[in-house]
């Protein structure tokens, strides 16, 4: 089970992680939380009206940070399309009503990852076995996907071939640790999907 997820009887998945892997995953998830930003939950004195919270407007412009733009893409158009005014307006309107919920879901996924790692105590020699229930698996998949998108964007990965080329970077290249993390997260994500389909 070391290094990859395996299906569990009755659903869910498990993986053995050592202290370094736990630390790396947790650190990346914390960085993702910081990037996505704090929630916009109502504060003291604000209305707890459910209807008002449903219509709480979010941003209508895409984020300037390329990673955030990748995590929260425009709903219309595409990366190779120069949007006209109608497409920009439709994307802005869609973003205004969906981005806050999407940010909340991404924060929730990352928090599940962090909390499940915090509950582990790894033996220095054998590691720790992380067992995930089916609903936790889905949240882990979301968090792993977001982490890979963030790292891939920072590395300018545009397709799977880029990942292989980046692996051939010399060990002295400052991008090499992030490349290894990107590929490792991909392996975790792939084996988690396979475990859920088994």
N, C-alpha and C. Protein backbone atom coordinates (compact mmCIF):
# COMPACT_ATOMS: atom_id res chain seq x y z
N UNK A 1 0.82 -1.19 0.00
CA UNK A 1 0.00 0.00 0.00
C UNK A 1 0.86 1.26 0.00
N UNK A 2 2.14 1.14 0.31
CA UNK A 2 3.01 2.31 0.42
C UNK A 2 3.04 3.09 -0.89
N UNK A 3 2.75 4.39 -0.79
CA UNK A 3 2.88 5.26 -1.94
C UNK A 3 1.68 5.33 -2.85
N UNK A 4 0.70 4.46 -2.66
CA UNK A 4 -0.48 4.55 -3.51
C UNK A 4 -1.71 4.08 -2.73
N UNK A 5 -2.86 4.61 -3.14
CA UNK A 5 -4.12 4.24 -2.50
C UNK A 5 -4.55 2.85 -2.94
N UNK A 6 -5.21 2.16 -2.04
CA UNK A 6 -5.82 0.86 -2.34
C UNK A 6 -7.25 0.89 -1.83
N UNK A 7 -8.15 0.17 -2.53
CA UNK A 7 -9.54 0.15 -2.09
C UNK A 7 -9.69 -0.56 -0.75
N UNK A 8 -10.70 -0.14 0.01
CA UNK A 8 -10.99 -0.75 1.30
C UNK A 8 -12.32 -1.49 1.25
N UNK A 9 -12.45 -2.58 1.99
CA UNK A 9 -13.74 -3.28 2.03
C UNK A 9 -14.85 -2.32 2.49
N UNK A 10 -15.95 -2.34 1.80
CA UNK A 10 -17.07 -1.47 2.14
C UNK A 10 -16.95 -0.07 1.59
N UNK A 11 -15.95 0.19 0.77
CA UNK A 11 -15.79 1.51 0.17
C UNK A 11 -14.65 2.28 0.80
N UNK A 12 -14.29 3.35 0.19
CA UNK A 12 -13.19 4.16 0.68
C UNK A 12 -11.85 3.65 0.17
N UNK A 13 -10.79 4.23 0.70
CA UNK A 13 -9.44 3.90 0.25
C UNK A 13 -8.47 4.14 1.39
N UNK A 14 -7.29 3.52 1.26
CA UNK A 14 -6.25 3.69 2.27
C UNK A 14 -4.90 3.83 1.59
N UNK A 15 -3.99 4.53 2.25
CA UNK A 15 -2.63 4.72 1.76
C UNK A 15 -1.70 4.82 2.96
N UNK A 16 -0.50 4.30 2.82
CA UNK A 16 0.52 4.47 3.85
C UNK A 16 1.38 5.66 3.49
N UNK A 17 1.52 6.57 4.45
CA UNK A 17 2.31 7.79 4.25
C UNK A 17 3.37 7.88 5.34
N UNK A 18 4.58 8.31 4.96
CA UNK A 18 5.60 8.52 5.98
C UNK A 18 5.52 9.97 6.48
N UNK A 19 6.34 10.29 7.46
CA UNK A 19 6.29 11.63 8.07
C UNK A 19 6.56 12.74 7.07
N UNK A 20 7.48 12.51 6.15
CA UNK A 20 7.82 13.53 5.15
C UNK A 20 6.64 13.75 4.21
N UNK A 21 6.02 12.66 3.75
CA UNK A 21 4.86 12.78 2.85
C UNK A 21 3.71 13.51 3.53
N UNK A 22 3.46 13.17 4.79
CA UNK A 22 2.41 13.84 5.56
C UNK A 22 2.71 15.33 5.65
N UNK A 23 3.95 15.67 5.96
CA UNK A 23 4.35 17.06 6.09
C UNK A 23 4.20 17.82 4.78
N UNK A 24 4.62 17.20 3.68
CA UNK A 24 4.52 17.86 2.37
C UNK A 24 3.06 18.08 1.99
N UNK A 25 2.24 17.06 2.12
CA UNK A 25 0.81 17.20 1.78
C UNK A 25 0.15 18.28 2.62
N UNK A 26 0.44 18.28 3.91
CA UNK A 26 -0.18 19.25 4.79
C UNK A 26 0.27 20.67 4.43
N UNK A 27 1.56 20.84 4.19
CA UNK A 27 2.10 22.15 3.82
C UNK A 27 1.48 22.67 2.52
N UNK A 28 1.37 21.80 1.53
CA UNK A 28 0.77 22.21 0.26
C UNK A 28 -0.70 22.59 0.45
N UNK A 29 -1.43 21.82 1.26
CA UNK A 29 -2.85 22.13 1.49
C UNK A 29 -3.02 23.45 2.23
N UNK A 30 -2.15 23.73 3.19
CA UNK A 30 -2.20 25.01 3.91
C UNK A 30 -1.93 26.16 2.95
N UNK A 31 -0.96 25.99 2.06
CA UNK A 31 -0.66 27.03 1.07
C UNK A 31 -1.86 27.24 0.14
N UNK A 32 -2.54 26.14 -0.21
CA UNK A 32 -3.73 26.26 -1.05
C UNK A 32 -4.82 27.05 -0.33
N UNK A 33 -5.02 26.77 0.95
CA UNK A 33 -6.01 27.51 1.74
C UNK A 33 -5.68 29.01 1.75
N UNK A 34 -4.41 29.32 1.94
CA UNK A 34 -4.00 30.73 1.95
C UNK A 34 -4.25 31.38 0.60
N UNK A 35 -4.01 30.63 -0.48
CA UNK A 35 -4.21 31.17 -1.82
C UNK A 35 -5.69 31.39 -2.12
N UNK A 36 -6.52 30.43 -1.76
CA UNK A 36 -7.96 30.54 -2.03
C UNK A 36 -8.58 31.64 -1.19
N UNK A 37 -8.05 31.84 0.00
CA UNK A 37 -8.51 32.94 0.84
C UNK A 37 -9.54 32.51 1.86
N UNK A 38 -9.80 33.40 2.82
CA UNK A 38 -10.76 33.09 3.88
C UNK A 38 -12.18 33.07 3.34
N UNK A 39 -13.03 32.43 4.10
CA UNK A 39 -14.44 32.36 3.71
C UNK A 39 -15.13 33.69 3.92
N UNK A 40 -16.28 33.82 3.30
CA UNK A 40 -17.08 35.03 3.44
C UNK A 40 -18.32 34.74 4.27
N UNK A 41 -18.13 33.97 5.36
CA UNK A 41 -19.27 33.63 6.20
C UNK A 41 -19.78 34.90 6.88
N UNK A 42 -21.09 34.96 7.15
CA UNK A 42 -21.63 36.14 7.81
C UNK A 42 -21.00 36.34 9.17
N UNK A 43 -20.69 37.59 9.52
CA UNK A 43 -20.11 37.90 10.81
C UNK A 43 -21.18 38.25 11.82
N UNK A 44 -20.74 38.62 12.97
CA UNK A 44 -21.67 38.99 14.03
C UNK A 44 -22.48 40.20 13.60
N UNK A 45 -23.77 40.14 13.86
CA UNK A 45 -24.64 41.25 13.54
C UNK A 45 -25.17 41.23 12.12
N UNK A 46 -24.65 40.33 11.28
CA UNK A 46 -25.15 40.26 9.92
C UNK A 46 -26.32 39.28 9.87
N UNK A 47 -27.09 39.37 8.82
CA UNK A 47 -28.27 38.53 8.68
C UNK A 47 -27.88 37.08 8.47
N UNK A 48 -28.57 36.19 9.19
CA UNK A 48 -28.39 34.76 8.99
C UNK A 48 -29.46 34.21 8.06
N UNK A 49 -30.14 35.09 7.36
CA UNK A 49 -31.21 34.71 6.45
C UNK A 49 -30.65 33.84 5.32
N UNK A 50 -31.19 32.63 5.18
CA UNK A 50 -30.71 31.69 4.17
C UNK A 50 -30.89 32.27 2.77
N UNK A 51 -32.03 32.89 2.51
CA UNK A 51 -32.28 33.45 1.18
C UNK A 51 -31.26 34.54 0.85
N UNK A 52 -30.91 35.37 1.83
CA UNK A 52 -29.92 36.42 1.59
C UNK A 52 -28.56 35.81 1.30
N UNK A 53 -28.22 34.72 1.99
CA UNK A 53 -26.91 34.11 1.76
C UNK A 53 -26.83 33.46 0.38
N UNK A 54 -27.95 32.98 -0.13
CA UNK A 54 -27.96 32.37 -1.46
C UNK A 54 -27.63 33.40 -2.53
N UNK A 55 -28.10 34.61 -2.33
CA UNK A 55 -27.89 35.66 -3.33
C UNK A 55 -26.73 36.58 -2.97
N UNK A 56 -25.83 36.10 -2.13
CA UNK A 56 -24.64 36.86 -1.79
C UNK A 56 -23.73 36.90 -3.02
N UNK A 57 -23.58 38.09 -3.58
CA UNK A 57 -22.80 38.23 -4.80
C UNK A 57 -21.31 38.02 -4.55
N UNK A 58 -20.69 37.36 -5.50
CA UNK A 58 -19.25 37.18 -5.48
C UNK A 58 -18.61 38.10 -6.49
N UNK A 59 -17.34 37.89 -6.77
CA UNK A 59 -16.65 38.73 -7.75
C UNK A 59 -17.17 38.47 -9.16
N UNK A 60 -17.08 39.48 -10.00
CA UNK A 60 -17.50 39.30 -11.39
C UNK A 60 -16.33 39.34 -12.36
N UNK A 61 -15.14 39.64 -11.86
CA UNK A 61 -13.94 39.66 -12.69
C UNK A 61 -13.07 38.45 -12.37
N UNK A 62 -12.40 37.90 -13.38
CA UNK A 62 -11.51 36.77 -13.10
C UNK A 62 -10.32 37.21 -12.25
N UNK A 63 -9.77 36.28 -11.45
CA UNK A 63 -8.61 36.64 -10.62
C UNK A 63 -7.40 37.00 -11.47
N UNK A 64 -6.56 37.87 -10.97
CA UNK A 64 -5.35 38.27 -11.69
C UNK A 64 -4.25 37.21 -11.56
N UNK A 65 -4.20 36.53 -10.41
CA UNK A 65 -3.19 35.48 -10.20
C UNK A 65 -3.47 34.32 -11.15
N UNK A 66 -2.48 33.87 -11.92
CA UNK A 66 -2.71 32.77 -12.88
C UNK A 66 -3.19 31.47 -12.23
N UNK A 67 -2.73 31.19 -11.00
CA UNK A 67 -3.18 29.96 -10.33
C UNK A 67 -4.65 30.08 -9.97
N UNK A 68 -5.04 31.22 -9.41
CA UNK A 68 -6.45 31.41 -9.07
C UNK A 68 -7.32 31.42 -10.33
N UNK A 69 -6.79 32.00 -11.40
CA UNK A 69 -7.54 32.00 -12.67
C UNK A 69 -7.73 30.56 -13.17
N UNK A 70 -6.78 29.68 -12.90
CA UNK A 70 -6.89 28.27 -13.30
C UNK A 70 -7.86 27.53 -12.39
N UNK A 71 -7.84 27.86 -11.09
CA UNK A 71 -8.76 27.22 -10.15
C UNK A 71 -10.19 27.73 -10.30
N UNK A 72 -10.33 28.98 -10.76
CA UNK A 72 -11.65 29.60 -10.94
C UNK A 72 -11.76 30.15 -12.36
N UNK A 73 -11.80 29.27 -13.36
CA UNK A 73 -11.80 29.74 -14.75
C UNK A 73 -13.13 30.37 -15.15
N UNK A 74 -13.08 31.14 -16.24
CA UNK A 74 -14.32 31.68 -16.80
C UNK A 74 -15.21 30.55 -17.28
N UNK A 75 -16.51 30.73 -17.15
CA UNK A 75 -17.46 29.70 -17.55
C UNK A 75 -17.65 29.64 -19.06
N UNK A 76 -17.40 30.73 -19.73
CA UNK A 76 -17.63 30.79 -21.17
C UNK A 76 -16.36 31.20 -21.88
N UNK A 77 -16.25 30.81 -23.11
CA UNK A 77 -15.04 31.10 -23.87
C UNK A 77 -14.05 29.97 -23.67
N UNK A 78 -12.81 30.27 -23.59
CA UNK A 78 -11.78 29.26 -23.40
C UNK A 78 -10.42 29.91 -23.42
N UNK A 79 -9.37 29.14 -23.11
CA UNK A 79 -8.04 29.73 -23.03
C UNK A 79 -7.53 30.26 -24.37
N UNK A 80 -8.03 29.71 -25.47
CA UNK A 80 -7.55 30.14 -26.79
C UNK A 80 -8.52 31.08 -27.49
N UNK A 81 -9.55 31.53 -26.78
CA UNK A 81 -10.57 32.39 -27.38
C UNK A 81 -10.51 33.77 -26.74
N UNK A 82 -10.46 34.78 -27.57
CA UNK A 82 -10.53 36.15 -27.07
C UNK A 82 -12.01 36.48 -26.92
N UNK A 83 -12.47 36.66 -25.67
CA UNK A 83 -13.91 36.87 -25.47
C UNK A 83 -14.36 38.24 -25.93
N UNK A 84 -15.57 38.27 -26.50
CA UNK A 84 -16.16 39.56 -26.84
C UNK A 84 -16.92 40.07 -25.62
N UNK A 85 -17.58 41.20 -25.75
CA UNK A 85 -18.27 41.82 -24.62
C UNK A 85 -19.37 40.93 -24.07
N UNK A 86 -20.11 40.24 -24.96
CA UNK A 86 -21.20 39.37 -24.50
C UNK A 86 -20.67 38.19 -23.69
N UNK A 87 -19.58 37.58 -24.15
CA UNK A 87 -18.98 36.45 -23.44
C UNK A 87 -18.44 36.91 -22.09
N UNK A 88 -17.77 38.07 -22.07
CA UNK A 88 -17.25 38.61 -20.82
C UNK A 88 -18.39 38.88 -19.83
N UNK A 89 -19.47 39.44 -20.32
CA UNK A 89 -20.61 39.75 -19.45
C UNK A 89 -21.24 38.47 -18.90
N UNK A 90 -21.42 37.46 -19.76
CA UNK A 90 -22.00 36.20 -19.31
C UNK A 90 -21.09 35.50 -18.30
N UNK A 91 -19.78 35.51 -18.56
CA UNK A 91 -18.83 34.91 -17.63
C UNK A 91 -18.83 35.64 -16.29
N UNK A 92 -18.88 36.96 -16.33
CA UNK A 92 -18.91 37.74 -15.10
C UNK A 92 -20.15 37.46 -14.28
N UNK A 93 -21.28 37.35 -14.97
CA UNK A 93 -22.54 37.08 -14.27
C UNK A 93 -22.51 35.68 -13.64
N UNK A 94 -22.02 34.70 -14.38
CA UNK A 94 -21.92 33.33 -13.86
C UNK A 94 -20.98 33.30 -12.66
N UNK A 95 -19.83 33.95 -12.78
CA UNK A 95 -18.84 33.99 -11.69
C UNK A 95 -19.43 34.63 -10.44
N UNK A 96 -20.19 35.69 -10.64
CA UNK A 96 -20.76 36.43 -9.52
C UNK A 96 -21.62 35.54 -8.62
N UNK A 97 -22.31 34.58 -9.22
CA UNK A 97 -23.21 33.73 -8.45
C UNK A 97 -22.62 32.37 -8.09
N UNK A 98 -21.42 32.04 -8.58
CA UNK A 98 -20.88 30.70 -8.31
C UNK A 98 -19.53 30.69 -7.61
N UNK A 99 -18.73 31.74 -7.77
CA UNK A 99 -17.36 31.65 -7.27
C UNK A 99 -17.27 31.51 -5.76
N UNK A 100 -18.13 32.19 -5.00
CA UNK A 100 -18.07 32.05 -3.54
C UNK A 100 -18.31 30.60 -3.12
N UNK A 101 -19.28 29.94 -3.74
CA UNK A 101 -19.55 28.53 -3.41
C UNK A 101 -18.39 27.64 -3.81
N UNK A 102 -17.79 27.91 -4.96
CA UNK A 102 -16.66 27.12 -5.42
C UNK A 102 -15.46 27.31 -4.49
N UNK A 103 -15.24 28.54 -4.06
CA UNK A 103 -14.15 28.78 -3.10
C UNK A 103 -14.42 28.03 -1.79
N UNK A 104 -15.66 28.06 -1.32
CA UNK A 104 -16.00 27.36 -0.08
C UNK A 104 -15.77 25.86 -0.22
N UNK A 105 -16.12 25.30 -1.38
CA UNK A 105 -15.91 23.87 -1.58
C UNK A 105 -14.42 23.53 -1.60
N UNK A 106 -13.62 24.36 -2.26
CA UNK A 106 -12.18 24.12 -2.32
C UNK A 106 -11.55 24.25 -0.93
N UNK A 107 -12.01 25.22 -0.14
CA UNK A 107 -11.53 25.34 1.23
C UNK A 107 -11.92 24.10 2.04
N UNK A 108 -13.14 23.65 1.87
CA UNK A 108 -13.61 22.47 2.59
C UNK A 108 -12.82 21.23 2.24
N UNK A 109 -12.53 21.04 0.96
CA UNK A 109 -11.73 19.89 0.53
C UNK A 109 -10.34 19.93 1.14
N UNK A 110 -9.70 21.10 1.10
CA UNK A 110 -8.35 21.23 1.66
C UNK A 110 -8.36 21.01 3.18
N UNK A 111 -9.40 21.49 3.85
CA UNK A 111 -9.49 21.29 5.30
C UNK A 111 -9.68 19.82 5.66
N UNK A 112 -10.45 19.08 4.86
CA UNK A 112 -10.60 17.64 5.12
C UNK A 112 -9.25 16.95 4.99
N UNK A 113 -8.47 17.32 3.98
CA UNK A 113 -7.14 16.75 3.80
C UNK A 113 -6.27 17.06 5.02
N UNK A 114 -6.24 18.30 5.44
CA UNK A 114 -5.41 18.70 6.57
C UNK A 114 -5.84 17.99 7.85
N UNK A 115 -7.14 17.97 8.12
CA UNK A 115 -7.62 17.34 9.36
C UNK A 115 -7.35 15.85 9.38
N UNK A 116 -7.51 15.18 8.25
CA UNK A 116 -7.25 13.74 8.24
C UNK A 116 -5.76 13.46 8.43
N UNK A 117 -4.88 14.33 7.90
CA UNK A 117 -3.45 14.17 8.13
C UNK A 117 -3.09 14.47 9.57
N UNK A 118 -3.73 15.48 10.16
CA UNK A 118 -3.45 15.84 11.55
C UNK A 118 -3.85 14.72 12.51
N UNK A 119 -4.79 13.89 12.12
CA UNK A 119 -5.24 12.79 12.98
C UNK A 119 -4.28 11.61 12.96
N UNK A 120 -3.31 11.62 12.05
CA UNK A 120 -2.36 10.52 11.93
C UNK A 120 -1.18 10.72 12.87
N UNK A 121 -0.61 9.61 13.29
CA UNK A 121 0.68 9.65 13.98
C UNK A 121 1.55 8.61 13.30
N UNK A 122 2.52 9.09 12.57
CA UNK A 122 3.36 8.21 11.75
C UNK A 122 4.49 7.62 12.57
N UNK A 123 4.67 6.32 12.44
CA UNK A 123 5.83 5.65 13.00
C UNK A 123 7.01 6.00 12.10
N UNK A 124 8.16 6.41 12.67
CA UNK A 124 9.30 6.80 11.83
C UNK A 124 9.75 5.72 10.86
N UNK A 125 9.51 4.47 11.18
CA UNK A 125 9.98 3.39 10.30
C UNK A 125 8.90 2.86 9.37
N UNK A 126 7.66 2.80 9.84
CA UNK A 126 6.62 2.18 9.02
C UNK A 126 5.62 3.17 8.45
N UNK A 127 5.63 4.40 8.93
CA UNK A 127 4.68 5.39 8.45
C UNK A 127 3.34 5.26 9.15
N UNK A 128 2.31 5.80 8.55
CA UNK A 128 0.96 5.74 9.10
C UNK A 128 0.00 5.38 7.98
N UNK A 129 -1.02 4.62 8.32
CA UNK A 129 -2.02 4.24 7.33
C UNK A 129 -3.19 5.22 7.44
N UNK A 130 -3.43 5.92 6.36
CA UNK A 130 -4.56 6.85 6.26
C UNK A 130 -5.72 6.11 5.63
N UNK A 131 -6.82 6.00 6.34
CA UNK A 131 -8.02 5.35 5.83
C UNK A 131 -9.10 6.41 5.61
N UNK A 132 -9.62 6.45 4.39
CA UNK A 132 -10.62 7.45 4.03
C UNK A 132 -11.96 6.80 3.74
N UNK A 133 -13.02 7.38 4.27
CA UNK A 133 -14.38 6.96 3.93
C UNK A 133 -14.68 7.46 2.52
N UNK A 134 -15.71 6.89 1.86
CA UNK A 134 -16.01 7.31 0.48
C UNK A 134 -16.19 8.82 0.32
N UNK A 135 -16.90 9.48 1.26
CA UNK A 135 -17.10 10.93 1.11
C UNK A 135 -15.79 11.68 1.29
N UNK A 136 -14.91 11.20 2.16
CA UNK A 136 -13.60 11.83 2.32
C UNK A 136 -12.75 11.64 1.05
N UNK A 137 -12.91 10.48 0.40
CA UNK A 137 -12.17 10.24 -0.85
C UNK A 137 -12.51 11.30 -1.89
N UNK A 138 -13.78 11.63 -2.01
CA UNK A 138 -14.18 12.65 -2.99
C UNK A 138 -13.56 14.00 -2.65
N UNK A 139 -13.52 14.33 -1.36
CA UNK A 139 -12.92 15.61 -0.97
C UNK A 139 -11.40 15.59 -1.17
N UNK A 140 -10.78 14.46 -0.90
CA UNK A 140 -9.34 14.32 -1.16
C UNK A 140 -9.07 14.47 -2.65
N UNK A 141 -9.92 13.86 -3.48
CA UNK A 141 -9.73 14.00 -4.93
C UNK A 141 -9.80 15.46 -5.34
N UNK A 142 -10.77 16.18 -4.80
CA UNK A 142 -10.87 17.61 -5.10
C UNK A 142 -9.63 18.37 -4.68
N UNK A 143 -9.13 18.10 -3.47
CA UNK A 143 -7.95 18.80 -2.97
C UNK A 143 -6.71 18.43 -3.78
N UNK A 144 -6.54 17.13 -4.08
CA UNK A 144 -5.38 16.72 -4.88
C UNK A 144 -5.41 17.36 -6.26
N UNK A 145 -6.60 17.42 -6.86
CA UNK A 145 -6.73 18.06 -8.17
C UNK A 145 -6.37 19.54 -8.10
N UNK A 146 -6.86 20.23 -7.08
CA UNK A 146 -6.55 21.65 -6.93
C UNK A 146 -5.06 21.87 -6.71
N UNK A 147 -4.43 21.01 -5.92
CA UNK A 147 -2.99 21.13 -5.69
C UNK A 147 -2.21 20.94 -6.99
N UNK A 148 -2.60 19.94 -7.78
CA UNK A 148 -1.91 19.69 -9.06
C UNK A 148 -2.12 20.85 -10.03
N UNK A 149 -3.34 21.39 -10.08
CA UNK A 149 -3.59 22.54 -10.95
C UNK A 149 -2.73 23.73 -10.54
N UNK A 150 -2.64 23.97 -9.23
CA UNK A 150 -1.85 25.10 -8.74
C UNK A 150 -0.37 24.93 -9.09
N UNK A 151 0.18 23.75 -8.78
CA UNK A 151 1.60 23.52 -9.07
C UNK A 151 1.84 23.51 -10.57
N UNK A 152 0.97 22.84 -11.32
CA UNK A 152 1.12 22.79 -12.77
C UNK A 152 1.10 24.17 -13.40
N UNK A 153 0.25 25.06 -12.88
CA UNK A 153 0.20 26.42 -13.40
C UNK A 153 1.50 27.15 -13.11
N UNK A 154 2.01 27.00 -11.90
CA UNK A 154 3.28 27.65 -11.55
C UNK A 154 4.44 27.12 -12.40
N UNK A 155 4.35 25.84 -12.80
CA UNK A 155 5.40 25.22 -13.63
C UNK A 155 5.15 25.42 -15.12
N UNK A 156 4.06 26.07 -15.49
CA UNK A 156 3.66 26.26 -16.89
C UNK A 156 3.41 24.94 -17.61
N UNK A 157 2.86 23.96 -16.89
CA UNK A 157 2.49 22.69 -17.51
C UNK A 157 1.21 22.91 -18.30
N UNK A 158 1.24 22.60 -19.58
CA UNK A 158 0.04 22.76 -20.41
C UNK A 158 -0.55 21.43 -20.85
N UNK A 159 0.24 20.37 -20.84
CA UNK A 159 -0.28 19.04 -21.16
C UNK A 159 0.59 17.99 -20.48
N UNK A 160 0.20 16.72 -20.59
CA UNK A 160 0.92 15.64 -19.92
C UNK A 160 2.36 15.52 -20.38
N UNK A 161 2.66 15.89 -21.62
CA UNK A 161 4.03 15.81 -22.12
C UNK A 161 4.96 16.74 -21.34
N UNK A 162 4.42 17.90 -20.91
CA UNK A 162 5.25 18.85 -20.15
C UNK A 162 5.76 18.22 -18.86
N UNK A 163 4.91 17.43 -18.19
CA UNK A 163 5.32 16.79 -16.94
C UNK A 163 6.53 15.89 -17.15
N UNK A 164 6.54 15.13 -18.25
CA UNK A 164 7.68 14.25 -18.55
C UNK A 164 8.94 15.04 -18.84
N UNK A 165 8.80 16.14 -19.57
CA UNK A 165 9.96 16.98 -19.88
C UNK A 165 10.52 17.62 -18.61
N UNK A 166 9.63 18.02 -17.73
CA UNK A 166 10.08 18.64 -16.48
C UNK A 166 10.82 17.64 -15.59
N UNK A 167 10.44 16.38 -15.67
CA UNK A 167 11.10 15.36 -14.87
C UNK A 167 12.58 15.22 -15.25
N UNK A 168 12.89 15.53 -16.49
CA UNK A 168 14.28 15.43 -16.95
C UNK A 168 15.13 16.65 -16.59
N UNK A 169 14.55 17.58 -15.84
CA UNK A 169 15.34 18.74 -15.39
C UNK A 169 16.47 18.26 -14.50
N UNK A 170 17.60 18.95 -14.53
CA UNK A 170 18.69 18.57 -13.62
C UNK A 170 18.28 18.81 -12.16
N UNK A 171 18.86 18.04 -11.27
CA UNK A 171 18.53 18.17 -9.85
C UNK A 171 18.85 19.56 -9.30
N UNK A 172 19.70 20.30 -9.97
CA UNK A 172 20.06 21.64 -9.51
C UNK A 172 19.02 22.70 -9.89
N UNK A 173 18.07 22.34 -10.76
CA UNK A 173 17.03 23.28 -11.18
C UNK A 173 16.10 23.54 -9.99
N UNK A 174 15.85 24.81 -9.67
CA UNK A 174 15.00 25.12 -8.50
C UNK A 174 13.56 24.63 -8.64
N UNK A 175 13.13 24.31 -9.86
CA UNK A 175 11.77 23.80 -10.07
C UNK A 175 11.64 22.32 -9.77
N UNK A 176 12.75 21.61 -9.66
CA UNK A 176 12.73 20.15 -9.54
C UNK A 176 11.87 19.64 -8.36
N UNK A 177 11.96 20.22 -7.14
CA UNK A 177 11.11 19.73 -6.06
C UNK A 177 9.62 19.86 -6.37
N UNK A 178 9.23 20.96 -7.02
CA UNK A 178 7.82 21.14 -7.37
C UNK A 178 7.39 20.16 -8.46
N UNK A 179 8.30 19.85 -9.37
CA UNK A 179 8.00 18.86 -10.41
C UNK A 179 7.75 17.51 -9.76
N UNK A 180 8.61 17.13 -8.83
CA UNK A 180 8.44 15.85 -8.15
C UNK A 180 7.14 15.81 -7.37
N UNK A 181 6.80 16.93 -6.71
CA UNK A 181 5.53 17.01 -5.98
C UNK A 181 4.35 16.88 -6.94
N UNK A 182 4.43 17.56 -8.08
CA UNK A 182 3.37 17.51 -9.09
C UNK A 182 3.12 16.07 -9.56
N UNK A 183 4.20 15.37 -9.87
CA UNK A 183 4.08 13.99 -10.36
C UNK A 183 3.61 13.05 -9.25
N UNK A 184 4.09 13.24 -8.04
CA UNK A 184 3.67 12.42 -6.90
C UNK A 184 2.18 12.61 -6.62
N UNK A 185 1.72 13.86 -6.62
CA UNK A 185 0.29 14.13 -6.41
C UNK A 185 -0.55 13.47 -7.50
N UNK A 186 -0.02 13.47 -8.73
CA UNK A 186 -0.73 12.82 -9.83
C UNK A 186 -0.87 11.32 -9.59
N UNK A 187 0.18 10.70 -9.06
CA UNK A 187 0.11 9.28 -8.74
C UNK A 187 -0.89 9.00 -7.64
N UNK A 188 -0.91 9.83 -6.60
CA UNK A 188 -1.89 9.67 -5.53
C UNK A 188 -3.31 9.82 -6.08
N UNK A 189 -3.50 10.83 -6.90
CA UNK A 189 -4.82 11.09 -7.48
C UNK A 189 -5.28 9.91 -8.34
N UNK A 190 -4.39 9.42 -9.18
CA UNK A 190 -4.73 8.31 -10.07
C UNK A 190 -5.09 7.04 -9.28
N UNK A 191 -4.29 6.71 -8.25
CA UNK A 191 -4.59 5.49 -7.50
C UNK A 191 -5.83 5.65 -6.63
N UNK A 192 -6.14 6.88 -6.22
CA UNK A 192 -7.37 7.11 -5.47
C UNK A 192 -8.59 6.91 -6.38
N UNK A 193 -8.52 7.42 -7.59
CA UNK A 193 -9.60 7.19 -8.56
C UNK A 193 -9.78 5.71 -8.83
N UNK A 194 -8.67 5.00 -9.07
CA UNK A 194 -8.73 3.56 -9.33
C UNK A 194 -9.33 2.81 -8.14
N UNK A 195 -9.00 3.23 -6.92
CA UNK A 195 -9.54 2.59 -5.73
C UNK A 195 -11.04 2.77 -5.63
N UNK A 196 -11.52 3.95 -5.99
CA UNK A 196 -12.96 4.21 -5.94
C UNK A 196 -13.72 3.45 -7.03
N UNK A 197 -13.05 3.16 -8.12
CA UNK A 197 -13.70 2.43 -9.23
C UNK A 197 -13.62 0.92 -9.06
N UNK A 198 -12.82 0.44 -8.10
CA UNK A 198 -12.64 -1.00 -7.92
C UNK A 198 -13.87 -1.65 -7.32
